[in-house]
C-alpha cells in the first residue's frame, strides 16, 4: 500500500501560480517606459538625465517578493525550485510568441493592430537570451542572499534582508540583461547607470513592505 503524496501548502500553491503569471507578463510590460515621477529627478542630480524604467520591473519586483516569501516560509531549497520551474513558463511564452509572430495574420485584421502587435511582441534573440539568463541568475541570487542573511542574523529583520537581497539581485539583473542584449549595439553606460539607479530605488522602497504583506498572506493561507 502506497502512502498518499503530501499535500502542497496552500501558500506555496498560490504563490507558484502567481509567480508563473508574473514571469510571463514581465516581458510584455517591458515594452513601455515609465516615468518615476519625483524619483526621476535623481538621475538629473547625477548627470544621467531623468530616470525612466521599463514597466516589466514591477512584475520582476513581484517575482523577487514571491521568491523571498517562499524562502521565508518554506526554505531556500523550495524557493530555488520555484525559480527553476519558472523557466518553463518563461521559455514557453517566448517560443509561443515566436510561433504567433511567424503565423500569417488574418486578411481582415486591421493593419495598424497587426503592425503594433509585431512591434510590441517582437524581440531579437539577444534580448530573449538576455532575459532568460538575467532571470535565472538574479532570482537565484536573491534567494541565496535572502536565505544567507536569515541564517546570519537569526531570522529577524525581514525588511532589511528583503531590501538587501532585492537591491543586489537587481544590480546583477541589469548588468546581465543590458550587457547581453545591447553590448555593441549602442553605448550602454548611461542605460546601465539609469536602470540600476531606478531599480535600486524601487527595490528599496517597494520590496520591504511588500514582503511583509506576502509573508502575512502566506501564513494566513497555511493556517
C-alpha atoms as a PDB file:
ATOM      1  CA  UNK A   1       0.000   0.000   0.000  1.00  0.00           C
ATOM      2  CA  UNK A   2       1.488   3.334  -1.040  1.00  0.00           C
ATOM      3  CA  UNK A   3       1.257   6.339   1.227  1.00  0.00           C
ATOM      4  CA  UNK A   4      -0.596   9.375  -0.137  1.00  0.00           C
ATOM      5  CA  UNK A   5       1.509  12.158  -1.550  1.00  0.00           C
ATOM      6  CA  UNK A   6       1.953  15.056   0.877  1.00  0.00           C
ATOM      7  CA  UNK A   7      -0.340  17.976   0.215  1.00  0.00           C
ATOM      8  CA  UNK A   8       1.326  21.134  -1.055  1.00  0.00           C
ATOM      9  CA  UNK A   9       0.931  24.060   1.363  1.00  0.00           C
ATOM     10  CA  UNK A  10      -1.750  26.435   0.197  1.00  0.00           C
ATOM     11  CA  UNK A  11       0.625  29.394   0.281  1.00  0.00           C
ATOM     12  CA  UNK A  12       3.112  27.611  -1.971  1.00  0.00           C
ATOM     13  CA  UNK A  13       0.351  26.629  -4.395  1.00  0.00           C
ATOM     14  CA  UNK A  14      -0.966  30.200  -4.590  1.00  0.00           C
ATOM     15  CA  UNK A  15       2.474  31.789  -4.841  1.00  0.00           C
ATOM     16  CA  UNK A  16       3.521  29.355  -7.583  1.00  0.00           C
ATOM     17  CA  UNK A  17       0.541  30.285  -9.776  1.00  0.00           C
ATOM     18  CA  UNK A  18       1.135  33.978  -9.201  1.00  0.00           C
ATOM     19  CA  UNK A  19       4.870  33.588  -9.875  1.00  0.00           C
ATOM     20  CA  UNK A  20       4.278  31.888 -13.218  1.00  0.00           C
ATOM     21  CA  UNK A  21       1.951  34.662 -14.309  1.00  0.00           C
ATOM     22  CA  UNK A  22       4.469  37.379 -13.415  1.00  0.00           C
ATOM     23  CA  UNK A  23       7.237  35.551 -15.298  1.00  0.00           C
ATOM     24  CA  UNK A  24       5.142  35.642 -18.480  1.00  0.00           C
ATOM     25  CA  UNK A  25       3.802  39.194 -18.208  1.00  0.00           C
ATOM     26  CA  UNK A  26       7.108  40.869 -17.296  1.00  0.00           C
ATOM     27  CA  UNK A  27       8.400  40.756 -20.874  1.00  0.00           C
ATOM     28  CA  UNK A  28       5.182  42.212 -22.292  1.00  0.00           C
ATOM     29  CA  UNK A  29       5.082  45.064 -19.779  1.00  0.00           C
ATOM     30  CA  UNK A  30       8.724  45.832 -20.539  1.00  0.00           C
ATOM     31  CA  UNK A  31       7.676  47.374 -23.849  1.00  0.00           C
ATOM     32  CA  UNK A  32       6.545  50.535 -22.051  1.00  0.00           C
ATOM     33  CA  UNK A  33       8.936  53.019 -20.495  1.00  0.00           C
ATOM     34  CA  UNK A  34       7.552  54.525 -17.292  1.00  0.00           C
ATOM     35  CA  UNK A  35       8.498  57.813 -15.705  1.00  0.00           C
ATOM     36  CA  UNK A  36       9.173  57.569 -11.992  1.00  0.00           C
ATOM     37  CA  UNK A  37       7.696  60.923 -11.031  1.00  0.00           C
ATOM     38  CA  UNK A  38       9.648  62.656  -8.235  1.00  0.00           C
ATOM     39  CA  UNK A  39      12.193  59.822  -8.247  1.00  0.00           C
ATOM     40  CA  UNK A  40      13.070  60.692 -11.852  1.00  0.00           C
ATOM     41  CA  UNK A  41      14.952  63.745 -10.610  1.00  0.00           C
ATOM     42  CA  UNK A  42      17.618  61.549  -9.012  1.00  0.00           C
ATOM     43  CA  UNK A  43      19.031  60.850 -12.458  1.00  0.00           C
ATOM     44  CA  UNK A  44      19.429  64.545 -13.206  1.00  0.00           C
ATOM     45  CA  UNK A  45      21.341  65.020  -9.963  1.00  0.00           C
ATOM     46  CA  UNK A  46      24.000  62.503 -11.045  1.00  0.00           C
ATOM     47  CA  UNK A  47      24.154  63.698 -14.639  1.00  0.00           C
ATOM     48  CA  UNK A  48      22.321  60.914 -16.495  1.00  0.00           C
ATOM     49  CA  UNK A  49      19.005  62.662 -17.149  1.00  0.00           C
ATOM     50  CA  UNK A  50      15.514  61.956 -15.786  1.00  0.00           C
ATOM     51  CA  UNK A  51      15.068  58.350 -14.698  1.00  0.00           C
ATOM     52  CA  UNK A  52      12.693  56.022 -16.501  1.00  0.00           C
ATOM     53  CA  UNK A  53      12.317  52.287 -16.267  1.00  0.00           C
ATOM     54  CA  UNK A  54      10.691  49.592 -18.354  1.00  0.00           C
ATOM     55  CA  UNK A  55       7.356  48.654 -16.807  1.00  0.00           C
ATOM     56  CA  UNK A  56       8.398  45.000 -16.606  1.00  0.00           C
ATOM     57  CA  UNK A  57      10.383  45.880 -13.489  1.00  0.00           C
ATOM     58  CA  UNK A  58       7.158  45.988 -11.477  1.00  0.00           C
ATOM     59  CA  UNK A  59       6.380  42.378 -12.368  1.00  0.00           C
ATOM     60  CA  UNK A  60      10.016  41.454 -11.734  1.00  0.00           C
ATOM     61  CA  UNK A  61       9.967  43.047  -8.286  1.00  0.00           C
ATOM     62  CA  UNK A  62       6.898  40.942  -7.506  1.00  0.00           C
ATOM     63  CA  UNK A  63       8.927  37.874  -8.532  1.00  0.00           C
ATOM     64  CA  UNK A  64      11.560  38.949  -6.018  1.00  0.00           C
ATOM     65  CA  UNK A  65       8.904  39.396  -3.342  1.00  0.00           C
ATOM     66  CA  UNK A  66       7.316  35.993  -4.005  1.00  0.00           C
ATOM     67  CA  UNK A  67      10.593  34.058  -4.132  1.00  0.00           C
ATOM     68  CA  UNK A  68      11.728  35.742  -0.906  1.00  0.00           C
ATOM     69  CA  UNK A  69       8.393  34.995   0.771  1.00  0.00           C
ATOM     70  CA  UNK A  70       8.639  31.341  -0.267  1.00  0.00           C
ATOM     71  CA  UNK A  71      12.190  31.215   1.106  1.00  0.00           C
ATOM     72  CA  UNK A  72      10.962  32.713   4.379  1.00  0.00           C
ATOM     73  CA  UNK A  73       8.010  30.331   4.712  1.00  0.00           C
ATOM     74  CA  UNK A  74       9.286  27.118   3.127  1.00  0.00           C
ATOM     75  CA  UNK A  75      13.073  27.349   2.945  1.00  0.00           C
ATOM     76  CA  UNK A  76      15.773  28.062   0.406  1.00  0.00           C
ATOM     77  CA  UNK A  77      15.535  24.744  -1.434  1.00  0.00           C
ATOM     78  CA  UNK A  78      11.828  25.193  -2.177  1.00  0.00           C
ATOM     79  CA  UNK A  79      12.362  28.800  -3.291  1.00  0.00           C
ATOM     80  CA  UNK A  80      15.171  27.755  -5.632  1.00  0.00           C
ATOM     81  CA  UNK A  81      12.926  25.050  -7.079  1.00  0.00           C
ATOM     82  CA  UNK A  82      10.266  27.708  -7.709  1.00  0.00           C
ATOM     83  CA  UNK A  83      12.838  29.789  -9.609  1.00  0.00           C
ATOM     84  CA  UNK A  84      13.890  26.757 -11.653  1.00  0.00           C
ATOM     85  CA  UNK A  85      10.319  25.832 -12.528  1.00  0.00           C
ATOM     86  CA  UNK A  86       9.806  29.454 -13.564  1.00  0.00           C
ATOM     87  CA  UNK A  87      11.968  28.773 -16.614  1.00  0.00           C
ATOM     88  CA  UNK A  88       9.124  26.663 -18.022  1.00  0.00           C
ATOM     89  CA  UNK A  89       6.524  29.448 -18.465  1.00  0.00           C
ATOM     90  CA  UNK A  90       9.258  31.926 -19.426  1.00  0.00           C
ATOM     91  CA  UNK A  91      10.655  29.801 -22.253  1.00  0.00           C
ATOM     92  CA  UNK A  92       7.204  28.589 -23.304  1.00  0.00           C
ATOM     93  CA  UNK A  93       5.940  32.165 -23.596  1.00  0.00           C
ATOM     94  CA  UNK A  94       8.958  33.134 -25.720  1.00  0.00           C
ATOM     95  CA  UNK A  95       8.518  30.146 -28.037  1.00  0.00           C
ATOM     96  CA  UNK A  96       4.792  30.786 -28.337  1.00  0.00           C
ATOM     97  CA  UNK A  97       5.485  34.433 -29.187  1.00  0.00           C
ATOM     98  CA  UNK A  98       7.865  33.333 -31.960  1.00  0.00           C
ATOM     99  CA  UNK A  99       5.262  30.944 -33.378  1.00  0.00           C
ATOM    100  CA  UNK A 100       2.455  33.520 -33.272  1.00  0.00           C
ATOM    101  CA  UNK A 101       4.633  36.212 -34.843  1.00  0.00           C
ATOM    102  CA  UNK A 102       5.594  33.831 -37.656  1.00  0.00           C
ATOM    103  CA  UNK A 103       1.981  32.823 -38.335  1.00  0.00           C
ATOM    104  CA  UNK A 104       0.302  34.885 -41.084  1.00  0.00           C
ATOM    105  CA  UNK A 105      -2.199  37.469 -39.896  1.00  0.00           C
ATOM    106  CA  UNK A 106      -5.810  37.131 -40.991  1.00  0.00           C
ATOM    107  CA  UNK A 107      -6.564  39.314 -44.042  1.00  0.00           C
ATOM    108  CA  UNK A 108      -9.352  41.051 -42.164  1.00  0.00           C
ATOM    109  CA  UNK A 109      -7.076  42.124 -39.317  1.00  0.00           C
ATOM    110  CA  UNK A 110      -6.624  45.864 -39.018  1.00  0.00           C
ATOM    111  CA  UNK A 111      -3.105  46.644 -40.382  1.00  0.00           C
ATOM    112  CA  UNK A 112      -2.426  49.110 -37.566  1.00  0.00           C
ATOM    113  CA  UNK A 113      -3.181  46.457 -34.936  1.00  0.00           C
ATOM    114  CA  UNK A 114      -1.121  43.880 -36.838  1.00  0.00           C
ATOM    115  CA  UNK A 115       1.908  46.155 -37.013  1.00  0.00           C
ATOM    116  CA  UNK A 116       1.551  47.260 -33.391  1.00  0.00           C
ATOM    117  CA  UNK A 117       1.401  43.641 -32.238  1.00  0.00           C
ATOM    118  CA  UNK A 118       4.525  42.746 -34.210  1.00  0.00           C
ATOM    119  CA  UNK A 119       6.350  45.784 -32.846  1.00  0.00           C
ATOM    120  CA  UNK A 120       5.405  45.070 -29.238  1.00  0.00           C
ATOM    121  CA  UNK A 121       5.911  41.302 -29.193  1.00  0.00           C
ATOM    122  CA  UNK A 122       8.924  41.112 -31.485  1.00  0.00           C
ATOM    123  CA  UNK A 123      12.411  40.942 -30.000  1.00  0.00           C
ATOM    124  CA  UNK A 124      15.872  39.921 -31.099  1.00  0.00           C
ATOM    125  CA  UNK A 125      17.346  36.577 -29.981  1.00  0.00           C
ATOM    126  CA  UNK A 126      19.858  38.506 -27.868  1.00  0.00           C
ATOM    127  CA  UNK A 127      17.067  40.209 -25.932  1.00  0.00           C
ATOM    128  CA  UNK A 128      15.271  36.904 -25.313  1.00  0.00           C
ATOM    129  CA  UNK A 129      18.508  35.171 -24.321  1.00  0.00           C
ATOM    130  CA  UNK A 130      19.484  38.062 -22.071  1.00  0.00           C
ATOM    131  CA  UNK A 131      16.117  37.910 -20.352  1.00  0.00           C
ATOM    132  CA  UNK A 132      16.435  34.181 -19.652  1.00  0.00           C
ATOM    133  CA  UNK A 133      19.979  34.464 -18.273  1.00  0.00           C
ATOM    134  CA  UNK A 134      19.237  37.563 -16.197  1.00  0.00           C
ATOM    135  CA  UNK A 135      16.087  35.956 -14.747  1.00  0.00           C
ATOM    136  CA  UNK A 136      17.815  32.757 -13.660  1.00  0.00           C
ATOM    137  CA  UNK A 137      20.914  34.350 -12.166  1.00  0.00           C
ATOM    138  CA  UNK A 138      19.258  37.293 -10.429  1.00  0.00           C
ATOM    139  CA  UNK A 139      16.374  35.302  -8.956  1.00  0.00           C
ATOM    140  CA  UNK A 140      18.703  32.587  -7.671  1.00  0.00           C
ATOM    141  CA  UNK A 141      20.981  35.266  -6.218  1.00  0.00           C
ATOM    142  CA  UNK A 142      18.029  36.920  -4.498  1.00  0.00           C
ATOM    143  CA  UNK A 143      17.005  33.680  -2.803  1.00  0.00           C
ATOM    144  CA  UNK A 144      20.619  32.883  -1.862  1.00  0.00           C
ATOM    145  CA  UNK A 145      21.333  36.279  -0.290  1.00  0.00           C
ATOM    146  CA  UNK A 146      17.960  36.405   1.470  1.00  0.00           C
ATOM    147  CA  UNK A 147      18.445  32.936   2.982  1.00  0.00           C
ATOM    148  CA  UNK A 148      22.087  33.570   3.936  1.00  0.00           C
ATOM    149  CA  UNK A 149      21.151  36.758   5.770  1.00  0.00           C
ATOM    150  CA  UNK A 150      18.381  34.909   7.576  1.00  0.00           C
ATOM    151  CA  UNK A 151      20.872  32.344   8.902  1.00  0.00           C
ATOM    152  CA  UNK A 152      23.405  35.048   9.745  1.00  0.00           C
ATOM    153  CA  UNK A 153      21.127  37.273  11.825  1.00  0.00           C
ATOM    154  CA  UNK A 154      18.777  34.637  13.199  1.00  0.00           C
ATOM    155  CA  UNK A 155      15.542  35.169  11.319  1.00  0.00           C
ATOM    156  CA  UNK A 156      14.608  38.742  12.254  1.00  0.00           C
ATOM    157  CA  UNK A 157      14.858  41.973  10.272  1.00  0.00           C
ATOM    158  CA  UNK A 158      12.759  40.663   7.406  1.00  0.00           C
ATOM    159  CA  UNK A 159      12.552  44.114   5.803  1.00  0.00           C
ATOM    160  CA  UNK A 160      16.337  44.508   5.784  1.00  0.00           C
ATOM    161  CA  UNK A 161      17.002  41.061   4.358  1.00  0.00           C
ATOM    162  CA  UNK A 162      14.406  41.594   1.639  1.00  0.00           C
ATOM    163  CA  UNK A 163      15.760  45.038   0.738  1.00  0.00           C
ATOM    164  CA  UNK A 164      19.419  43.993   0.561  1.00  0.00           C
ATOM    165  CA  UNK A 165      18.695  40.846  -1.463  1.00  0.00           C
ATOM    166  CA  UNK A 166      16.445  42.737  -3.858  1.00  0.00           C
ATOM    167  CA  UNK A 167      18.873  45.611  -4.430  1.00  0.00           C
ATOM    168  CA  UNK A 168      21.847  43.336  -5.107  1.00  0.00           C
ATOM    169  CA  UNK A 169      19.877  40.997  -7.370  1.00  0.00           C
ATOM    170  CA  UNK A 170      18.501  43.950  -9.351  1.00  0.00           C
ATOM    171  CA  UNK A 171      22.015  45.282  -9.942  1.00  0.00           C
ATOM    172  CA  UNK A 172      23.098  41.886 -11.289  1.00  0.00           C
ATOM    173  CA  UNK A 173      19.913  41.575 -13.361  1.00  0.00           C
ATOM    174  CA  UNK A 174      20.541  44.940 -15.024  1.00  0.00           C
ATOM    175  CA  UNK A 175      24.221  44.223 -15.691  1.00  0.00           C
ATOM    176  CA  UNK A 176      23.464  40.873 -17.305  1.00  0.00           C
ATOM    177  CA  UNK A 177      20.416  41.850 -19.346  1.00  0.00           C
ATOM    178  CA  UNK A 178      21.671  45.162 -20.716  1.00  0.00           C
ATOM    179  CA  UNK A 179      25.134  43.767 -21.492  1.00  0.00           C
ATOM    180  CA  UNK A 180      23.838  40.638 -23.242  1.00  0.00           C
ATOM    181  CA  UNK A 181      21.035  42.389 -25.114  1.00  0.00           C
ATOM    182  CA  UNK A 182      22.694  45.648 -26.173  1.00  0.00           C
ATOM    183  CA  UNK A 183      26.502  45.404 -25.918  1.00  0.00           C
ATOM    184  CA  UNK A 184      27.917  46.581 -29.247  1.00  0.00           C
ATOM    185  CA  UNK A 185      24.535  47.819 -30.466  1.00  0.00           C
ATOM    186  CA  UNK A 186      24.860  51.251 -28.837  1.00  0.00           C
ATOM    187  CA  UNK A 187      26.730  52.757 -25.851  1.00  0.00           C
ATOM    188  CA  UNK A 188      25.197  51.228 -22.746  1.00  0.00           C
ATOM    189  CA  UNK A 189      26.886  53.182 -19.951  1.00  0.00           C
ATOM    190  CA  UNK A 190      24.109  55.684 -19.337  1.00  0.00           C
ATOM    191  CA  UNK A 191      21.434  52.992 -19.763  1.00  0.00           C
ATOM    192  CA  UNK A 192      23.136  50.800 -17.162  1.00  0.00           C
ATOM    193  CA  UNK A 193      23.513  53.678 -14.716  1.00  0.00           C
ATOM    194  CA  UNK A 194      19.948  54.868 -15.144  1.00  0.00           C
ATOM    195  CA  UNK A 195      18.386  51.425 -14.912  1.00  0.00           C
ATOM    196  CA  UNK A 196      20.467  50.491 -11.858  1.00  0.00           C
ATOM    197  CA  UNK A 197      19.630  53.681 -10.011  1.00  0.00           C
ATOM    198  CA  UNK A 198      15.927  53.352 -10.822  1.00  0.00           C
ATOM    199  CA  UNK A 199      15.718  49.659  -9.936  1.00  0.00           C
ATOM    200  CA  UNK A 200      17.723  50.031  -6.721  1.00  0.00           C
ATOM    201  CA  UNK A 201      15.480  52.912  -5.637  1.00  0.00           C
ATOM    202  CA  UNK A 202      12.294  50.967  -6.409  1.00  0.00           C
ATOM    203  CA  UNK A 203      13.676  47.862  -4.673  1.00  0.00           C
ATOM    204  CA  UNK A 204      14.466  49.804  -1.522  1.00  0.00           C
ATOM    205  CA  UNK A 205      11.044  51.495  -1.458  1.00  0.00           C
ATOM    206  CA  UNK A 206       8.664  48.774  -2.631  1.00  0.00           C
ATOM    207  CA  UNK A 207      10.108  45.388  -1.676  1.00  0.00           C
ATOM    208  CA  UNK A 208      10.328  45.658   2.158  1.00  0.00           C
ATOM    209  CA  UNK A 209       6.618  46.441   2.735  1.00  0.00           C
ATOM    210  CA  UNK A 210       5.511  44.008   0.034  1.00  0.00           C
ATOM    211  CA  UNK A 211       7.498  41.150   1.567  1.00  0.00           C
ATOM    212  CA  UNK A 212       5.696  41.649   4.887  1.00  0.00           C
ATOM    213  CA  UNK A 213       2.381  41.581   3.038  1.00  0.00           C
ATOM    214  CA  UNK A 214       3.308  38.422   1.109  1.00  0.00           C
ATOM    215  CA  UNK A 215       4.574  36.557   4.182  1.00  0.00           C
ATOM    216  CA  UNK A 216       1.471  37.583   6.121  1.00  0.00           C
ATOM    217  CA  UNK A 217      -0.792  36.305   3.334  1.00  0.00           C
ATOM    218  CA  UNK A 218       1.195  33.093   3.142  1.00  0.00           C
ATOM    219  CA  UNK A 219       0.901  32.414   6.867  1.00  0.00           C
ATOM    220  CA  UNK A 220      -2.808  33.109   6.794  1.00  0.00           C
ATOM    221  CA  UNK A 221      -3.282  30.686   3.874  1.00  0.00           C
ATOM    222  CA  UNK A 222      -1.376  27.959   5.736  1.00  0.00           C
ATOM    223  CA  UNK A 223      -3.390  28.192   8.946  1.00  0.00           C
END
